[in-house]
Protein backbone atom coordinates (compact mmCIF):
# COMPACT_ATOMS: atom_id res chain seq x y z
CA MET A 1 3.88 -10.43 -22.40
CA ASP A 2 4.51 -7.22 -20.82
CA GLY A 3 7.62 -8.27 -19.10
CA MET A 4 6.44 -9.28 -15.98
CA MET A 5 5.89 -12.87 -16.48
CA PRO A 6 8.67 -14.52 -18.44
CA VAL A 7 7.68 -17.23 -21.02
CA SER A 8 9.62 -20.04 -19.24
CA ARG A 9 7.15 -19.46 -16.32
CA LEU A 10 4.30 -19.60 -18.41
CA CYS A 11 5.61 -22.65 -19.98
CA LYS A 12 6.13 -24.19 -16.54
CA GLU A 13 2.33 -23.60 -15.70
CA CYS A 14 1.50 -25.22 -19.14
CA TYR A 15 3.65 -28.26 -18.45
CA ALA A 16 2.15 -28.55 -14.85
CA GLU A 17 -1.58 -28.53 -16.12
CA GLY A 18 -0.53 -31.25 -18.87
CA PRO A 19 -1.77 -31.55 -22.38
CA SER A 20 -5.38 -32.25 -22.86
CA LYS A 21 -7.72 -32.38 -25.85
CA ASN A 22 -10.52 -31.09 -23.64
CA VAL A 23 -11.41 -27.76 -22.60
CA ASN A 24 -9.29 -26.84 -19.42
CA LEU A 25 -10.47 -24.90 -16.58
CA MET A 26 -7.16 -23.54 -15.26
CA GLU A 27 -7.00 -21.26 -12.33
CA TRP A 28 -5.21 -18.19 -12.54
CA ASP A 29 -4.16 -18.28 -8.80
CA LYS A 30 -1.69 -21.17 -9.43
CA LEU A 31 -0.17 -19.33 -12.27
CA TRP A 32 0.38 -16.26 -10.25
CA SER A 33 1.66 -18.21 -7.27
CA ILE A 34 4.51 -19.56 -9.40
CA ASN A 35 5.15 -16.00 -10.84
CA LYS A 36 5.09 -14.26 -7.33
CA LYS A 37 7.84 -16.75 -5.96
CA LYS A 38 10.04 -15.38 -8.71
CA ILE A 39 9.11 -11.55 -9.00
CA ASP A 40 8.22 -10.63 -5.43
CA PRO A 41 11.56 -11.08 -4.03
CA VAL A 42 13.10 -8.68 -6.49
CA CYS A 43 10.31 -6.30 -7.49
CA PRO A 44 10.80 -2.66 -6.40
CA ARG A 45 7.95 -1.16 -3.94
CA HIS A 46 6.27 2.01 -5.13
CA THR A 47 3.77 3.99 -3.40
CA ALA A 48 0.91 6.22 -4.98
CA ILE A 49 -2.22 7.66 -4.09
CA VAL A 50 -5.23 8.50 -6.24
CA LYS A 51 -5.90 12.15 -6.41
CA GLU A 52 -9.54 11.76 -6.55
CA GLY A 53 -10.92 11.05 -2.80
CA ARG A 54 -7.59 11.46 -1.24
CA VAL A 55 -7.73 12.11 2.56
CA LEU A 56 -5.24 14.67 4.51
CA LEU A 57 -3.86 13.07 7.56
CA THR A 58 -2.15 15.64 9.93
CA LEU A 59 0.78 14.26 12.18
CA SER A 60 0.69 16.53 15.61
CA ASN A 61 4.19 15.67 16.15
CA GLY A 62 5.27 15.32 12.57
CA PRO A 63 8.40 17.29 11.22
CA GLU A 64 7.79 20.85 10.98
CA THR A 65 10.31 21.18 8.07
CA PRO A 66 9.59 18.51 5.23
CA PHE A 67 12.78 16.52 4.57
CA VAL A 68 13.78 13.66 2.02
CA ARG A 69 15.19 10.39 3.20
CA LYS A 70 16.58 7.85 0.64
CA ILE A 71 15.18 4.35 1.49
CA PRO A 72 15.29 1.06 -0.28
CA LYS A 73 12.51 0.31 -2.86
CA HIS A 74 12.48 -3.22 -1.79
CA LYS A 75 13.32 -4.20 2.12
CA ARG A 76 15.18 -7.43 1.08
CA TYR A 77 16.51 -6.92 -2.13
CA GLU A 78 19.15 -4.15 -2.28
CA GLY A 79 19.39 -4.63 -6.16
CA ALA A 80 16.04 -2.67 -6.68
CA GLY A 81 17.74 0.51 -5.77
CA MET A 82 16.87 3.51 -3.63
CA LYS A 83 13.81 5.87 -3.51
CA ASP A 84 13.17 9.21 -2.29
CA THR A 85 10.58 9.42 0.65
CA THR A 86 9.45 12.73 1.90
CA PHE A 87 8.74 13.09 5.69
CA THR A 88 6.53 16.04 6.41
CA LYS A 89 3.63 17.03 8.76
CA GLU A 90 0.70 16.32 6.45
CA ILE A 91 0.41 13.23 4.35
CA TRP A 92 -2.03 11.80 1.97
CA ILE A 93 -3.91 8.68 2.25
CA GLU A 94 -6.34 6.63 0.36
CA GLN A 95 -10.07 7.38 1.10
CA VAL A 96 -10.83 3.63 1.40
CA ASP A 97 -8.07 3.37 4.03
CA ALA A 98 -9.37 6.56 5.94
CA LYS A 99 -12.93 5.20 6.10
CA ALA A 100 -11.59 1.75 7.41
CA ILE A 101 -9.67 3.65 10.01
CA ALA A 102 -12.67 5.90 11.01
CA ASP A 103 -14.92 2.74 11.17
CA ALA A 104 -12.56 0.98 13.42
CA GLU A 105 -11.88 3.70 15.55
CA ALA A 106 -15.85 4.12 16.15
CA ILE A 107 -15.67 0.45 17.17
CA SER A 108 -12.88 0.46 19.62
CA GLY A 109 -12.42 4.31 20.36
CA ASN A 110 -8.70 3.84 20.48
CA LEU A 111 -6.80 3.01 17.36
CA ASP A 112 -3.19 2.67 16.39
CA ILE A 113 -2.02 2.37 12.50
CA THR A 114 1.21 1.62 10.88
CA LEU A 115 2.55 4.16 8.28
CA MET A 116 5.09 2.21 5.93
CA ASP A 117 8.54 3.55 6.36
CA TRP A 118 7.47 6.05 9.10
CA GLY A 119 6.45 3.71 12.03
CA ASN A 120 3.07 3.31 14.25
CA ALA A 121 0.93 6.22 14.84
CA SER A 122 -1.95 6.75 17.27
CA ILE A 123 -5.01 8.27 16.02
CA LYS A 124 -5.98 11.11 18.41
CA GLU A 125 -9.00 12.79 16.57
CA ILE A 126 -11.03 12.40 13.36
CA LYS A 127 -12.98 15.22 11.62
CA ASP A 128 -15.36 14.87 8.72
CA PRO A 129 -15.19 18.68 7.22
CA SER A 130 -18.73 18.21 5.38
CA PRO A 131 -21.86 17.97 7.38
CA LYS A 132 -23.15 15.13 4.74
CA GLY A 133 -19.91 13.35 4.31
CA ILE A 134 -19.65 14.00 0.80
CA ARG A 135 -15.83 15.09 1.09
CA PRO A 136 -13.42 12.74 2.49
CA VAL A 137 -12.74 12.31 6.08
CA MET A 138 -9.82 14.30 7.61
CA PHE A 139 -7.55 13.13 10.37
CA SER A 140 -6.76 16.39 12.42
CA SER A 141 -4.41 14.86 14.93
CA ILE A 142 -2.08 11.81 14.96
CA SER A 143 1.08 11.11 17.04
CA LEU A 144 3.74 9.13 16.05
CA LYS A 145 5.23 6.73 18.45
């Protein structure tokens, strides 16, 4: 066990399945559901972006001077502690999220997204810096609501 699933919870799952001499085809989703009920309410939230393929998102009315704000690691569990979040005019997002935003924007023409711990934002313009789309899509303008 890597510390994320206590033995007591694993035992609870085994008791729920019951003893059997036959091969049991247990579903992991049931085990993870039991585990989530105990861990999710107290587990800190972390954010990370993979450097490979990341996409730059520019906030047209974002802060000119970056600043750091301490916010809770978990919104409903103060015991998880605080984390530093930097607010700046340019932020990185995952390429898969950028593609989903670009696809949704192409379909509807107008798109609002939610930036966690920032608020809602409206996409104003999307630019792809490469002619063949090899590099990530870049969002050149966005304004926070």
